[in-house]
């Protein structure tokens, strides 16, 4: 399978969109001067707001700075990172959580981006929230943080299910992805409040789906 065209940081590295992802990477670097953000989680208020695409493109730009990046699909309901990178999802995170011996040969997959590996969701469990809330998951997050310079986690929408709130308590920081002209203000407030109730470290929000100014497109296209 081929990579998805929405991975513009690979297919169109000189585009304004790719430059926006590099700006996001820079902002995160300056947000973590006091304490490095080794583990980051991305979520959104609701479905179809582009959180997985934003996360995957950010992961590519971080890896392009010669850092070892591990991308983990913790959306155990509707995983899609394997589809974005054109990889299989036969084994992944759930195998690490249910089989203690899996760490000896972890199911990390190399992507076509040097330094970027993907841990897919693996077989979907019947009760994903229970699995993410287990002590085994807490131990696995700490172990994963030792396997790369930065670990980025994709989670389900925070307002839809309990999974994201659980995972938010295990990582160094959380970014909320909202979509222009789609995400309601009330949904953003609810998402913020849900994260605050579990004392998550909310770093900020990423506005997705913004129309790029044509003058910027001309500038970057001519480089």
N, C-alpha and C. Protein backbone atom coordinates (compact mmCIF):
# COMPACT_ATOMS: atom_id res chain seq x y z
N UNK A 1 0.84 -1.20 0.00
CA UNK A 1 0.00 0.00 0.00
C UNK A 1 0.87 1.24 0.00
N UNK A 2 0.38 2.29 -0.66
CA UNK A 2 1.11 3.54 -0.74
C UNK A 2 0.70 4.46 0.40
N UNK A 3 1.55 5.44 0.70
CA UNK A 3 1.20 6.40 1.74
C UNK A 3 0.03 7.27 1.26
N UNK A 4 -0.71 7.79 2.20
CA UNK A 4 -1.88 8.60 1.88
C UNK A 4 -1.43 9.99 1.43
N UNK A 5 -2.17 10.56 0.49
CA UNK A 5 -1.81 11.88 -0.05
C UNK A 5 -1.94 12.99 0.99
N UNK A 6 -2.65 12.73 2.09
CA UNK A 6 -2.78 13.75 3.13
C UNK A 6 -1.48 13.95 3.91
N UNK A 7 -0.50 13.08 3.72
CA UNK A 7 0.81 13.27 4.34
C UNK A 7 1.62 14.23 3.47
N UNK A 8 1.25 15.50 3.55
CA UNK A 8 1.85 16.51 2.67
C UNK A 8 3.31 16.75 3.01
N UNK A 9 3.71 16.47 4.23
CA UNK A 9 5.11 16.68 4.62
C UNK A 9 6.04 15.70 3.89
N UNK A 10 5.45 14.66 3.30
CA UNK A 10 6.22 13.72 2.48
C UNK A 10 6.03 14.03 1.00
N UNK A 11 4.76 14.18 0.59
CA UNK A 11 4.46 14.37 -0.84
C UNK A 11 4.72 15.78 -1.33
N UNK A 12 4.56 16.78 -0.45
CA UNK A 12 4.76 18.19 -0.84
C UNK A 12 5.56 18.91 0.24
N UNK A 13 6.82 18.57 0.40
CA UNK A 13 7.61 19.11 1.52
C UNK A 13 7.82 20.62 1.46
N UNK A 14 7.67 21.25 0.28
CA UNK A 14 7.88 22.68 0.17
C UNK A 14 6.59 23.48 0.16
N UNK A 15 5.48 22.84 0.46
CA UNK A 15 4.17 23.49 0.43
C UNK A 15 3.95 24.34 1.68
N UNK A 16 3.02 25.30 1.63
CA UNK A 16 2.68 26.07 2.83
C UNK A 16 2.19 25.18 3.97
N UNK A 17 1.47 24.12 3.64
CA UNK A 17 0.98 23.21 4.69
C UNK A 17 2.15 22.56 5.42
N UNK A 18 3.16 22.11 4.68
CA UNK A 18 4.33 21.50 5.31
C UNK A 18 5.06 22.51 6.18
N UNK A 19 5.12 23.76 5.72
CA UNK A 19 5.77 24.80 6.52
C UNK A 19 5.00 25.04 7.81
N UNK A 20 3.67 24.93 7.76
CA UNK A 20 2.85 25.11 8.96
C UNK A 20 3.15 24.01 9.98
N UNK A 21 3.36 22.79 9.50
CA UNK A 21 3.70 21.70 10.43
C UNK A 21 5.08 21.91 11.04
N UNK A 22 6.01 22.47 10.27
CA UNK A 22 7.32 22.77 10.84
C UNK A 22 7.22 23.88 11.88
N UNK A 23 6.31 24.82 11.66
CA UNK A 23 6.09 25.87 12.66
C UNK A 23 5.52 25.28 13.94
N UNK A 24 4.61 24.31 13.80
CA UNK A 24 4.06 23.63 14.97
C UNK A 24 5.16 22.90 15.72
N UNK A 25 6.05 22.24 14.99
CA UNK A 25 7.18 21.55 15.61
C UNK A 25 8.04 22.52 16.42
N UNK A 26 8.30 23.70 15.86
CA UNK A 26 9.10 24.71 16.55
C UNK A 26 8.41 25.20 17.81
N UNK A 27 7.10 25.44 17.70
CA UNK A 27 6.35 25.91 18.87
C UNK A 27 6.39 24.90 20.00
N UNK A 28 6.30 23.63 19.66
CA UNK A 28 6.36 22.60 20.69
C UNK A 28 7.75 22.54 21.33
N UNK A 29 8.77 22.79 20.54
CA UNK A 29 10.14 22.80 21.08
C UNK A 29 10.29 23.90 22.13
N UNK A 30 9.77 25.07 21.85
CA UNK A 30 9.88 26.18 22.80
C UNK A 30 8.94 26.02 23.98
N UNK A 31 7.88 25.22 23.81
CA UNK A 31 6.95 24.98 24.91
C UNK A 31 7.52 24.02 25.94
N UNK A 32 8.63 23.38 25.61
CA UNK A 32 9.17 22.34 26.49
C UNK A 32 10.60 22.62 26.90
N UNK A 33 10.97 23.90 27.04
CA UNK A 33 12.34 24.23 27.41
C UNK A 33 12.67 23.80 28.83
N UNK A 34 11.70 23.93 29.75
CA UNK A 34 11.95 23.56 31.14
C UNK A 34 11.94 22.05 31.34
N UNK A 35 11.00 21.37 30.67
CA UNK A 35 10.89 19.93 30.80
C UNK A 35 10.57 19.34 29.43
N UNK A 36 11.48 18.53 28.89
CA UNK A 36 11.25 17.95 27.56
C UNK A 36 9.95 17.17 27.51
N UNK A 37 9.21 17.35 26.42
CA UNK A 37 7.96 16.62 26.22
C UNK A 37 8.27 15.33 25.47
N UNK A 38 8.58 14.30 26.22
CA UNK A 38 8.93 13.02 25.58
C UNK A 38 7.70 12.30 25.03
N UNK A 39 6.56 12.47 25.70
CA UNK A 39 5.34 11.78 25.28
C UNK A 39 4.23 12.80 25.07
N UNK A 40 3.63 12.80 23.89
CA UNK A 40 2.57 13.72 23.54
C UNK A 40 1.36 12.95 23.02
N UNK A 41 0.18 13.39 23.40
CA UNK A 41 -1.06 12.79 22.92
C UNK A 41 -1.85 13.81 22.11
N UNK A 42 -2.42 13.35 21.01
CA UNK A 42 -3.30 14.19 20.21
C UNK A 42 -4.73 13.66 20.32
N UNK A 43 -5.67 14.58 20.50
CA UNK A 43 -7.08 14.22 20.51
C UNK A 43 -7.86 15.35 19.86
N UNK A 44 -9.17 15.20 19.78
CA UNK A 44 -10.05 16.22 19.20
C UNK A 44 -11.37 16.14 19.93
N UNK A 45 -12.19 17.20 19.86
CA UNK A 45 -13.49 17.13 20.52
C UNK A 45 -14.39 16.04 19.95
N UNK A 46 -14.41 15.91 18.64
CA UNK A 46 -15.27 14.92 18.00
C UNK A 46 -14.55 14.23 16.86
N UNK A 47 -15.26 13.36 16.13
CA UNK A 47 -14.64 12.62 15.03
C UNK A 47 -14.46 13.49 13.77
N UNK A 48 -13.61 13.02 12.89
CA UNK A 48 -13.43 13.62 11.56
C UNK A 48 -12.95 15.07 11.61
N UNK A 49 -12.09 15.38 12.58
CA UNK A 49 -11.53 16.72 12.66
C UNK A 49 -10.05 16.76 12.26
N UNK A 50 -9.53 15.60 11.85
CA UNK A 50 -8.19 15.57 11.27
C UNK A 50 -7.05 15.36 12.23
N UNK A 51 -7.33 14.90 13.46
CA UNK A 51 -6.26 14.77 14.45
C UNK A 51 -5.17 13.79 14.01
N UNK A 52 -5.57 12.68 13.40
CA UNK A 52 -4.58 11.67 13.02
C UNK A 52 -3.67 12.18 11.90
N UNK A 53 -4.25 12.91 10.96
CA UNK A 53 -3.46 13.48 9.87
C UNK A 53 -2.49 14.53 10.39
N UNK A 54 -2.97 15.39 11.28
CA UNK A 54 -2.09 16.41 11.87
C UNK A 54 -0.95 15.74 12.64
N UNK A 55 -1.27 14.74 13.42
CA UNK A 55 -0.27 14.03 14.22
C UNK A 55 0.78 13.37 13.33
N UNK A 56 0.32 12.69 12.28
CA UNK A 56 1.25 11.99 11.40
C UNK A 56 2.19 12.96 10.69
N UNK A 57 1.66 14.09 10.22
CA UNK A 57 2.52 15.07 9.55
C UNK A 57 3.51 15.70 10.52
N UNK A 58 3.08 15.96 11.75
CA UNK A 58 4.01 16.48 12.74
C UNK A 58 5.13 15.48 13.02
N UNK A 59 4.77 14.21 13.13
CA UNK A 59 5.77 13.17 13.37
C UNK A 59 6.82 13.14 12.27
N UNK A 60 6.39 13.32 11.04
CA UNK A 60 7.34 13.35 9.92
C UNK A 60 8.31 14.51 10.07
N UNK A 61 7.80 15.69 10.41
CA UNK A 61 8.68 16.86 10.51
C UNK A 61 9.66 16.73 11.67
N UNK A 62 9.24 16.10 12.76
CA UNK A 62 10.17 15.90 13.88
C UNK A 62 11.27 14.93 13.48
N UNK A 63 10.90 13.86 12.80
CA UNK A 63 11.89 12.87 12.35
C UNK A 63 12.87 13.49 11.37
N UNK A 64 12.43 14.48 10.62
CA UNK A 64 13.31 15.13 9.64
C UNK A 64 14.39 15.98 10.30
N UNK A 65 14.29 16.18 11.63
CA UNK A 65 15.36 16.87 12.36
C UNK A 65 16.33 15.87 12.99
N UNK A 66 16.32 14.65 12.48
CA UNK A 66 17.22 13.57 12.90
C UNK A 66 16.94 13.12 14.33
N UNK A 67 15.68 13.21 14.76
CA UNK A 67 15.27 12.65 16.04
C UNK A 67 14.57 11.33 15.80
N UNK A 68 14.70 10.43 16.79
CA UNK A 68 14.03 9.14 16.71
C UNK A 68 12.60 9.30 17.23
N UNK A 69 11.64 9.07 16.34
CA UNK A 69 10.24 9.31 16.66
C UNK A 69 9.47 8.00 16.57
N UNK A 70 8.62 7.78 17.58
CA UNK A 70 7.74 6.61 17.58
C UNK A 70 6.30 7.11 17.59
N UNK A 71 5.55 6.71 16.60
CA UNK A 71 4.15 7.09 16.47
C UNK A 71 3.31 5.90 16.91
N UNK A 72 2.39 6.12 17.88
CA UNK A 72 1.63 5.02 18.47
C UNK A 72 0.14 5.27 18.26
N UNK A 73 -0.54 4.30 17.69
CA UNK A 73 -1.99 4.41 17.47
C UNK A 73 -2.73 3.85 18.66
N UNK A 74 -3.20 4.75 19.53
CA UNK A 74 -3.98 4.35 20.70
C UNK A 74 -5.48 4.52 20.48
N UNK A 75 -5.88 4.76 19.25
CA UNK A 75 -7.30 4.78 18.93
C UNK A 75 -7.71 3.33 18.68
N UNK A 76 -8.14 2.68 19.74
CA UNK A 76 -8.46 1.25 19.66
C UNK A 76 -9.90 1.02 19.24
N UNK A 77 -10.50 2.04 18.63
CA UNK A 77 -11.86 1.92 18.11
C UNK A 77 -11.88 2.14 16.59
N UNK A 78 -11.18 3.20 16.14
CA UNK A 78 -11.11 3.49 14.71
C UNK A 78 -9.67 3.86 14.33
N UNK A 79 -8.75 2.92 14.42
CA UNK A 79 -7.36 3.23 14.10
C UNK A 79 -7.19 3.52 12.61
N UNK A 80 -6.28 4.45 12.29
CA UNK A 80 -6.08 4.76 10.87
C UNK A 80 -4.64 5.10 10.52
N UNK A 81 -3.73 5.17 11.51
CA UNK A 81 -2.36 5.55 11.19
C UNK A 81 -1.71 4.56 10.22
N UNK A 82 -2.04 3.28 10.34
CA UNK A 82 -1.46 2.29 9.42
C UNK A 82 -1.90 2.57 7.98
N UNK A 83 -3.13 3.06 7.81
CA UNK A 83 -3.61 3.38 6.48
C UNK A 83 -2.89 4.60 5.91
N UNK A 84 -2.63 5.59 6.75
CA UNK A 84 -1.93 6.79 6.28
C UNK A 84 -0.54 6.45 5.75
N UNK A 85 0.14 5.52 6.41
CA UNK A 85 1.50 5.17 6.01
C UNK A 85 1.55 3.94 5.10
N UNK A 86 0.40 3.39 4.76
CA UNK A 86 0.36 2.24 3.86
C UNK A 86 0.97 0.98 4.45
N UNK A 87 0.74 0.75 5.76
CA UNK A 87 1.31 -0.40 6.44
C UNK A 87 0.22 -1.34 6.96
N UNK A 88 0.62 -2.53 7.33
CA UNK A 88 -0.33 -3.52 7.85
C UNK A 88 -0.63 -3.25 9.32
N UNK A 89 -1.72 -3.84 9.80
CA UNK A 89 -2.10 -3.69 11.21
C UNK A 89 -2.37 -5.06 11.82
N UNK A 90 -1.49 -5.99 11.54
CA UNK A 90 -1.65 -7.35 12.06
C UNK A 90 -1.28 -7.44 13.53
N UNK A 91 -0.30 -6.67 13.94
CA UNK A 91 0.15 -6.68 15.34
C UNK A 91 0.53 -5.27 15.73
N UNK A 92 0.32 -4.93 17.02
CA UNK A 92 0.63 -3.57 17.44
C UNK A 92 0.54 -3.40 18.94
N UNK A 93 -0.04 -2.29 19.37
CA UNK A 93 -0.09 -1.94 20.78
C UNK A 93 -0.79 -3.00 21.63
N UNK A 94 -1.91 -3.51 21.17
CA UNK A 94 -2.65 -4.48 21.97
C UNK A 94 -1.84 -5.76 22.20
N UNK A 95 -0.96 -6.08 21.27
CA UNK A 95 -0.09 -7.24 21.49
C UNK A 95 0.90 -6.97 22.62
N UNK A 96 1.41 -5.75 22.69
CA UNK A 96 2.32 -5.40 23.79
C UNK A 96 1.60 -5.44 25.13
N UNK A 97 0.32 -5.08 25.13
CA UNK A 97 -0.43 -5.02 26.37
C UNK A 97 -0.89 -6.39 26.86
N UNK A 98 -1.10 -7.30 25.97
CA UNK A 98 -1.64 -8.61 26.36
C UNK A 98 -0.61 -9.72 26.40
N UNK A 99 0.57 -9.48 25.82
CA UNK A 99 1.60 -10.52 25.77
C UNK A 99 2.90 -9.97 26.34
N UNK A 100 3.28 -10.32 27.56
CA UNK A 100 4.51 -9.80 28.17
C UNK A 100 5.76 -10.07 27.35
N UNK A 101 5.74 -11.15 26.57
CA UNK A 101 6.93 -11.49 25.79
C UNK A 101 7.07 -10.64 24.53
N UNK A 102 6.05 -9.85 24.20
CA UNK A 102 6.09 -9.08 22.95
C UNK A 102 7.18 -8.01 22.97
N UNK A 103 7.61 -7.58 24.16
CA UNK A 103 8.66 -6.55 24.21
C UNK A 103 10.00 -7.07 23.69
N UNK A 104 10.18 -8.37 23.70
CA UNK A 104 11.43 -8.92 23.21
C UNK A 104 11.59 -8.69 21.71
N UNK A 105 10.48 -8.63 21.00
CA UNK A 105 10.48 -8.34 19.56
C UNK A 105 9.29 -7.46 19.26
N UNK A 106 9.32 -6.19 19.69
CA UNK A 106 8.15 -5.32 19.59
C UNK A 106 7.73 -5.12 18.14
N UNK A 107 6.43 -5.03 17.89
CA UNK A 107 5.92 -4.91 16.52
C UNK A 107 6.01 -3.50 15.94
N UNK A 108 7.16 -2.85 16.11
CA UNK A 108 7.37 -1.54 15.50
C UNK A 108 7.55 -1.73 14.00
N UNK A 109 7.04 -0.81 13.22
CA UNK A 109 7.22 -0.87 11.77
C UNK A 109 7.97 0.38 11.29
N UNK A 110 8.92 0.16 10.41
CA UNK A 110 9.65 1.27 9.82
C UNK A 110 8.76 1.94 8.77
N UNK A 111 8.82 3.26 8.70
CA UNK A 111 8.15 3.99 7.64
C UNK A 111 9.20 4.40 6.61
N UNK A 112 8.75 5.05 5.55
CA UNK A 112 9.73 5.48 4.55
C UNK A 112 10.48 6.74 4.98
N UNK A 113 10.12 7.28 6.15
CA UNK A 113 10.82 8.44 6.69
C UNK A 113 11.89 7.95 7.66
N UNK A 114 13.16 8.21 7.40
CA UNK A 114 14.22 7.77 8.32
C UNK A 114 13.99 8.28 9.73
N UNK A 115 14.10 7.39 10.70
CA UNK A 115 13.94 7.77 12.09
C UNK A 115 12.51 7.70 12.61
N UNK A 116 11.55 7.46 11.74
CA UNK A 116 10.14 7.41 12.15
C UNK A 116 9.62 5.98 12.09
N UNK A 117 9.19 5.46 13.26
CA UNK A 117 8.59 4.13 13.34
C UNK A 117 7.15 4.24 13.79
N UNK A 118 6.37 3.24 13.44
CA UNK A 118 4.95 3.23 13.78
C UNK A 118 4.62 1.98 14.57
N UNK A 119 3.89 2.18 15.67
CA UNK A 119 3.29 1.08 16.41
C UNK A 119 1.79 1.19 16.18
N UNK A 120 1.26 0.31 15.37
CA UNK A 120 -0.16 0.36 15.05
C UNK A 120 -0.99 -0.10 16.25
N UNK A 121 -2.30 -0.04 16.11
CA UNK A 121 -3.17 -0.43 17.23
C UNK A 121 -3.09 -1.91 17.53
N UNK A 122 -2.95 -2.73 16.48
CA UNK A 122 -3.06 -4.17 16.65
C UNK A 122 -4.53 -4.57 16.69
N UNK A 123 -4.82 -5.85 16.95
CA UNK A 123 -6.22 -6.31 17.00
C UNK A 123 -7.03 -5.51 18.02
N UNK A 124 -8.22 -5.10 17.63
CA UNK A 124 -9.04 -4.25 18.49
C UNK A 124 -9.68 -5.05 19.61
N UNK A 125 -9.58 -4.55 20.85
CA UNK A 125 -10.12 -5.26 22.01
C UNK A 125 -11.61 -4.97 22.18
N UNK A 126 -12.33 -5.81 22.92
CA UNK A 126 -13.76 -5.56 23.14
C UNK A 126 -14.02 -4.37 24.06
N UNK A 127 -13.12 -4.10 25.01
CA UNK A 127 -13.29 -2.98 25.94
C UNK A 127 -11.97 -2.20 26.00
N UNK A 128 -11.84 -1.25 25.09
CA UNK A 128 -10.57 -0.54 24.97
C UNK A 128 -10.27 0.33 26.19
N UNK A 129 -11.30 0.92 26.80
CA UNK A 129 -11.05 1.79 27.96
C UNK A 129 -10.45 0.99 29.12
N UNK A 130 -10.92 -0.23 29.31
CA UNK A 130 -10.37 -1.07 30.38
C UNK A 130 -8.90 -1.37 30.13
N UNK A 131 -8.56 -1.62 28.88
CA UNK A 131 -7.18 -1.95 28.53
C UNK A 131 -6.27 -0.74 28.73
N UNK A 132 -6.73 0.44 28.33
CA UNK A 132 -5.92 1.65 28.47
C UNK A 132 -5.78 2.08 29.92
N UNK A 133 -6.75 1.72 30.76
CA UNK A 133 -6.71 2.08 32.18
C UNK A 133 -5.93 1.09 33.02
N UNK A 134 -5.42 0.04 32.41
CA UNK A 134 -4.72 -1.00 33.16
C UNK A 134 -3.33 -0.56 33.58
N UNK A 135 -2.80 -1.20 34.61
CA UNK A 135 -1.43 -0.92 35.05
C UNK A 135 -0.44 -1.28 33.95
N UNK A 136 -0.79 -2.27 33.16
CA UNK A 136 0.08 -2.68 32.05
C UNK A 136 0.26 -1.54 31.04
N UNK A 137 -0.80 -0.76 30.81
CA UNK A 137 -0.69 0.35 29.88
C UNK A 137 0.23 1.42 30.44
N UNK A 138 0.10 1.72 31.71
CA UNK A 138 0.98 2.70 32.35
C UNK A 138 2.44 2.30 32.23
N UNK A 139 2.71 1.03 32.45
CA UNK A 139 4.08 0.53 32.32
C UNK A 139 4.56 0.59 30.87
N UNK A 140 3.65 0.31 29.95
CA UNK A 140 4.01 0.30 28.53
C UNK A 140 4.33 1.70 28.04
N UNK A 141 3.60 2.71 28.49
CA UNK A 141 3.89 4.08 28.10
C UNK A 141 5.29 4.48 28.57
N UNK A 142 5.63 4.13 29.79
CA UNK A 142 6.98 4.43 30.30
C UNK A 142 8.04 3.70 29.49
N UNK A 143 7.76 2.46 29.13
CA UNK A 143 8.72 1.68 28.33
C UNK A 143 8.87 2.27 26.94
N UNK A 144 7.76 2.67 26.33
CA UNK A 144 7.81 3.25 24.98
C UNK A 144 8.62 4.54 24.98
N UNK A 145 8.53 5.31 26.06
CA UNK A 145 9.27 6.57 26.14
C UNK A 145 10.78 6.35 26.10
N UNK A 146 11.21 5.15 26.42
CA UNK A 146 12.64 4.81 26.40
C UNK A 146 13.10 4.34 25.02
N UNK A 147 12.15 4.11 24.11
CA UNK A 147 12.48 3.53 22.81
C UNK A 147 12.70 4.58 21.73
N UNK A 148 12.51 5.87 22.05
CA UNK A 148 12.66 6.92 21.05
C UNK A 148 12.93 8.24 21.75
N UNK A 149 13.31 9.25 20.96
CA UNK A 149 13.49 10.59 21.52
C UNK A 149 12.15 11.22 21.83
N UNK A 150 11.14 10.90 21.02
CA UNK A 150 9.80 11.44 21.25
C UNK A 150 8.77 10.41 20.80
N UNK A 151 7.73 10.26 21.63
CA UNK A 151 6.66 9.30 21.34
C UNK A 151 5.35 10.09 21.22
N UNK A 152 4.67 9.91 20.11
CA UNK A 152 3.43 10.63 19.83
C UNK A 152 2.27 9.64 19.79
N UNK A 153 1.23 9.90 20.57
CA UNK A 153 0.11 8.99 20.69
C UNK A 153 -1.14 9.58 20.04
N UNK A 154 -1.81 8.77 19.23
CA UNK A 154 -3.11 9.15 18.68
C UNK A 154 -4.18 8.51 19.56
N UNK A 155 -5.23 9.28 19.88
CA UNK A 155 -6.28 8.76 20.74
C UNK A 155 -7.64 9.06 20.12
N UNK A 156 -8.71 8.42 20.60
CA UNK A 156 -10.05 8.75 20.12
C UNK A 156 -10.45 10.17 20.55
N UNK A 157 -11.53 10.69 19.99
CA UNK A 157 -12.02 12.01 20.40
C UNK A 157 -12.35 12.04 21.90
N UNK A 158 -11.95 13.12 22.56
CA UNK A 158 -12.09 13.23 24.01
C UNK A 158 -13.55 13.29 24.46
N UNK A 159 -14.43 13.90 23.65
CA UNK A 159 -15.83 14.03 24.05
C UNK A 159 -16.66 12.79 23.76
N UNK A 160 -16.10 11.86 23.00
CA UNK A 160 -16.89 10.71 22.54
C UNK A 160 -16.80 9.52 23.49
N UNK A 161 -15.59 9.22 23.97
CA UNK A 161 -15.37 8.04 24.80
C UNK A 161 -14.36 8.36 25.89
N UNK A 162 -14.21 7.46 26.85
CA UNK A 162 -13.34 7.70 28.00
C UNK A 162 -11.86 7.48 27.69
N UNK A 163 -11.54 6.85 26.58
CA UNK A 163 -10.18 6.43 26.29
C UNK A 163 -9.16 7.57 26.35
N UNK A 164 -9.49 8.70 25.71
CA UNK A 164 -8.53 9.81 25.64
C UNK A 164 -8.24 10.41 27.00
N UNK A 165 -9.26 10.54 27.85
CA UNK A 165 -9.05 11.09 29.19
C UNK A 165 -8.13 10.19 30.01
N UNK A 166 -8.26 8.89 29.82
CA UNK A 166 -7.39 7.94 30.52
C UNK A 166 -5.95 8.10 30.07
N UNK A 167 -5.74 8.12 28.76
CA UNK A 167 -4.38 8.23 28.22
C UNK A 167 -3.75 9.57 28.56
N UNK A 168 -4.56 10.62 28.65
CA UNK A 168 -4.04 11.96 28.93
C UNK A 168 -3.33 12.03 30.27
N UNK A 169 -3.67 11.15 31.19
CA UNK A 169 -3.03 11.16 32.51
C UNK A 169 -1.66 10.49 32.48
N UNK A 170 -1.30 9.86 31.37
CA UNK A 170 -0.06 9.10 31.30
C UNK A 170 1.04 9.78 30.49
N UNK A 171 0.71 10.91 29.84
CA UNK A 171 1.67 11.54 28.94
C UNK A 171 2.10 12.91 29.46
N UNK A 172 3.16 13.45 28.84
CA UNK A 172 3.70 14.73 29.28
C UNK A 172 2.85 15.91 28.83
N UNK A 173 2.13 15.76 27.73
CA UNK A 173 1.34 16.86 27.22
C UNK A 173 0.29 16.40 26.24
N UNK A 174 -0.72 17.26 26.05
CA UNK A 174 -1.84 16.95 25.15
C UNK A 174 -2.08 18.12 24.22
N UNK A 175 -2.32 17.81 22.95
CA UNK A 175 -2.72 18.83 21.98
C UNK A 175 -4.12 18.50 21.47
N UNK A 176 -4.94 19.52 21.36
CA UNK A 176 -6.32 19.36 20.92
C UNK A 176 -6.44 19.88 19.50
N UNK A 177 -6.90 19.03 18.60
CA UNK A 177 -7.07 19.42 17.20
C UNK A 177 -8.52 19.78 16.94
N UNK A 178 -8.74 20.99 16.44
CA UNK A 178 -10.09 21.44 16.09
C UNK A 178 -10.10 21.83 14.62
N UNK A 179 -11.26 21.71 14.01
CA UNK A 179 -11.37 21.98 12.57
C UNK A 179 -12.18 23.24 12.30
N UNK A 180 -11.60 24.09 11.47
CA UNK A 180 -12.29 25.34 11.12
C UNK A 180 -13.62 25.05 10.44
N UNK A 181 -14.65 25.78 10.83
CA UNK A 181 -15.99 25.70 10.26
C UNK A 181 -16.69 24.38 10.56
N UNK A 182 -16.11 23.58 11.42
CA UNK A 182 -16.73 22.30 11.76
C UNK A 182 -16.92 22.13 13.27
N UNK A 183 -15.85 22.38 14.02
CA UNK A 183 -15.89 22.17 15.46
C UNK A 183 -16.66 23.30 16.14
N UNK A 184 -17.65 22.95 16.93
CA UNK A 184 -18.42 23.96 17.65
C UNK A 184 -17.66 24.45 18.89
N UNK A 185 -17.87 25.70 19.22
CA UNK A 185 -17.21 26.29 20.38
C UNK A 185 -17.55 25.51 21.65
N UNK A 186 -18.82 25.11 21.77
CA UNK A 186 -19.25 24.36 22.96
C UNK A 186 -18.49 23.03 23.07
N UNK A 187 -18.18 22.42 21.94
CA UNK A 187 -17.45 21.15 21.95
C UNK A 187 -16.01 21.36 22.42
N UNK A 188 -15.42 22.48 22.03
CA UNK A 188 -14.05 22.78 22.45
C UNK A 188 -14.01 23.02 23.96
N UNK A 189 -14.98 23.76 24.47
CA UNK A 189 -15.04 24.01 25.91
C UNK A 189 -15.22 22.71 26.67
N UNK A 190 -16.09 21.84 26.17
CA UNK A 190 -16.30 20.56 26.84
C UNK A 190 -15.02 19.73 26.84
N UNK A 191 -14.30 19.72 25.71
CA UNK A 191 -13.05 18.97 25.62
C UNK A 191 -12.02 19.50 26.61
N UNK A 192 -11.93 20.83 26.69
CA UNK A 192 -10.99 21.44 27.65
C UNK A 192 -11.34 21.05 29.08
N UNK A 193 -12.63 21.09 29.39
CA UNK A 193 -13.06 20.76 30.75
C UNK A 193 -12.81 19.29 31.09
N UNK A 194 -13.02 18.41 30.13
CA UNK A 194 -12.76 16.98 30.37
C UNK A 194 -11.28 16.73 30.66
N UNK A 195 -10.41 17.42 29.93
CA UNK A 195 -8.98 17.26 30.17
C UNK A 195 -8.57 17.87 31.50
N UNK A 196 -9.20 19.00 31.86
CA UNK A 196 -8.88 19.63 33.13
C UNK A 196 -9.29 18.75 34.31
N UNK A 197 -10.37 18.02 34.17
CA UNK A 197 -10.85 17.18 35.27
C UNK A 197 -9.88 16.05 35.60
N UNK A 198 -9.06 15.64 34.64
CA UNK A 198 -8.07 14.58 34.92
C UNK A 198 -6.67 15.17 35.09
N UNK A 199 -6.60 16.50 35.21
CA UNK A 199 -5.32 17.20 35.40
C UNK A 199 -4.34 16.96 34.26
N UNK A 200 -4.87 16.87 33.05
CA UNK A 200 -4.00 16.70 31.89
C UNK A 200 -3.26 18.01 31.61
N UNK A 201 -2.07 17.88 31.06
CA UNK A 201 -1.27 19.06 30.69
C UNK A 201 -1.63 19.45 29.26
N UNK A 202 -2.63 20.30 29.12
CA UNK A 202 -3.08 20.75 27.81
C UNK A 202 -2.15 21.85 27.31
N UNK A 203 -1.43 21.56 26.23
CA UNK A 203 -0.46 22.50 25.70
C UNK A 203 -1.11 23.57 24.84
N UNK A 204 -2.24 23.24 24.24
CA UNK A 204 -2.92 24.19 23.37
C UNK A 204 -3.73 23.46 22.33
N UNK A 205 -4.16 24.22 21.32
CA UNK A 205 -5.00 23.66 20.25
C UNK A 205 -4.35 23.89 18.89
N UNK A 206 -4.65 23.02 17.96
CA UNK A 206 -4.19 23.15 16.58
C UNK A 206 -5.43 23.35 15.71
N UNK A 207 -5.46 24.44 14.95
CA UNK A 207 -6.58 24.71 14.06
C UNK A 207 -6.32 24.06 12.72
N UNK A 208 -7.14 23.11 12.36
CA UNK A 208 -6.96 22.33 11.15
C UNK A 208 -7.97 22.79 10.08
N UNK A 209 -7.61 22.57 8.83
CA UNK A 209 -8.54 22.87 7.75
C UNK A 209 -8.60 24.33 7.35
N UNK A 210 -7.58 25.10 7.70
CA UNK A 210 -7.55 26.52 7.35
C UNK A 210 -7.14 26.67 5.89
N UNK A 211 -7.85 27.53 5.14
CA UNK A 211 -7.48 27.81 3.76
C UNK A 211 -6.18 28.61 3.74
N UNK A 212 -5.23 28.15 2.95
CA UNK A 212 -3.94 28.84 2.89
C UNK A 212 -4.01 30.03 1.96
N UNK A 213 -3.38 31.11 2.37
CA UNK A 213 -3.35 32.32 1.56
C UNK A 213 -2.62 32.05 0.25
N UNK A 214 -3.21 32.53 -0.84
CA UNK A 214 -2.61 32.25 -2.15
C UNK A 214 -1.22 32.86 -2.30
N UNK A 215 -0.98 33.97 -1.64
CA UNK A 215 0.35 34.57 -1.76
C UNK A 215 1.40 33.69 -1.11
N UNK A 216 1.04 33.04 0.00
CA UNK A 216 1.97 32.10 0.62
C UNK A 216 2.19 30.91 -0.29
N UNK A 217 1.12 30.42 -0.89
CA UNK A 217 1.25 29.28 -1.79
C UNK A 217 2.19 29.60 -2.95
N UNK A 218 2.09 30.83 -3.47
CA UNK A 218 2.98 31.21 -4.56
C UNK A 218 4.42 31.32 -4.12
N UNK A 219 4.61 31.83 -2.90
CA UNK A 219 5.97 31.98 -2.37
C UNK A 219 6.64 30.64 -2.20
N UNK A 220 5.96 29.72 -1.51
CA UNK A 220 6.57 28.42 -1.23
C UNK A 220 6.64 27.56 -2.49
N UNK A 221 5.68 27.72 -3.37
CA UNK A 221 5.71 26.93 -4.59
C UNK A 221 6.85 27.30 -5.49
N UNK A 222 7.35 28.53 -5.36
CA UNK A 222 8.43 28.98 -6.24
C UNK A 222 9.80 28.75 -5.67
N UNK A 223 9.89 28.15 -4.52
CA UNK A 223 11.21 27.96 -3.90
C UNK A 223 11.90 26.77 -4.52
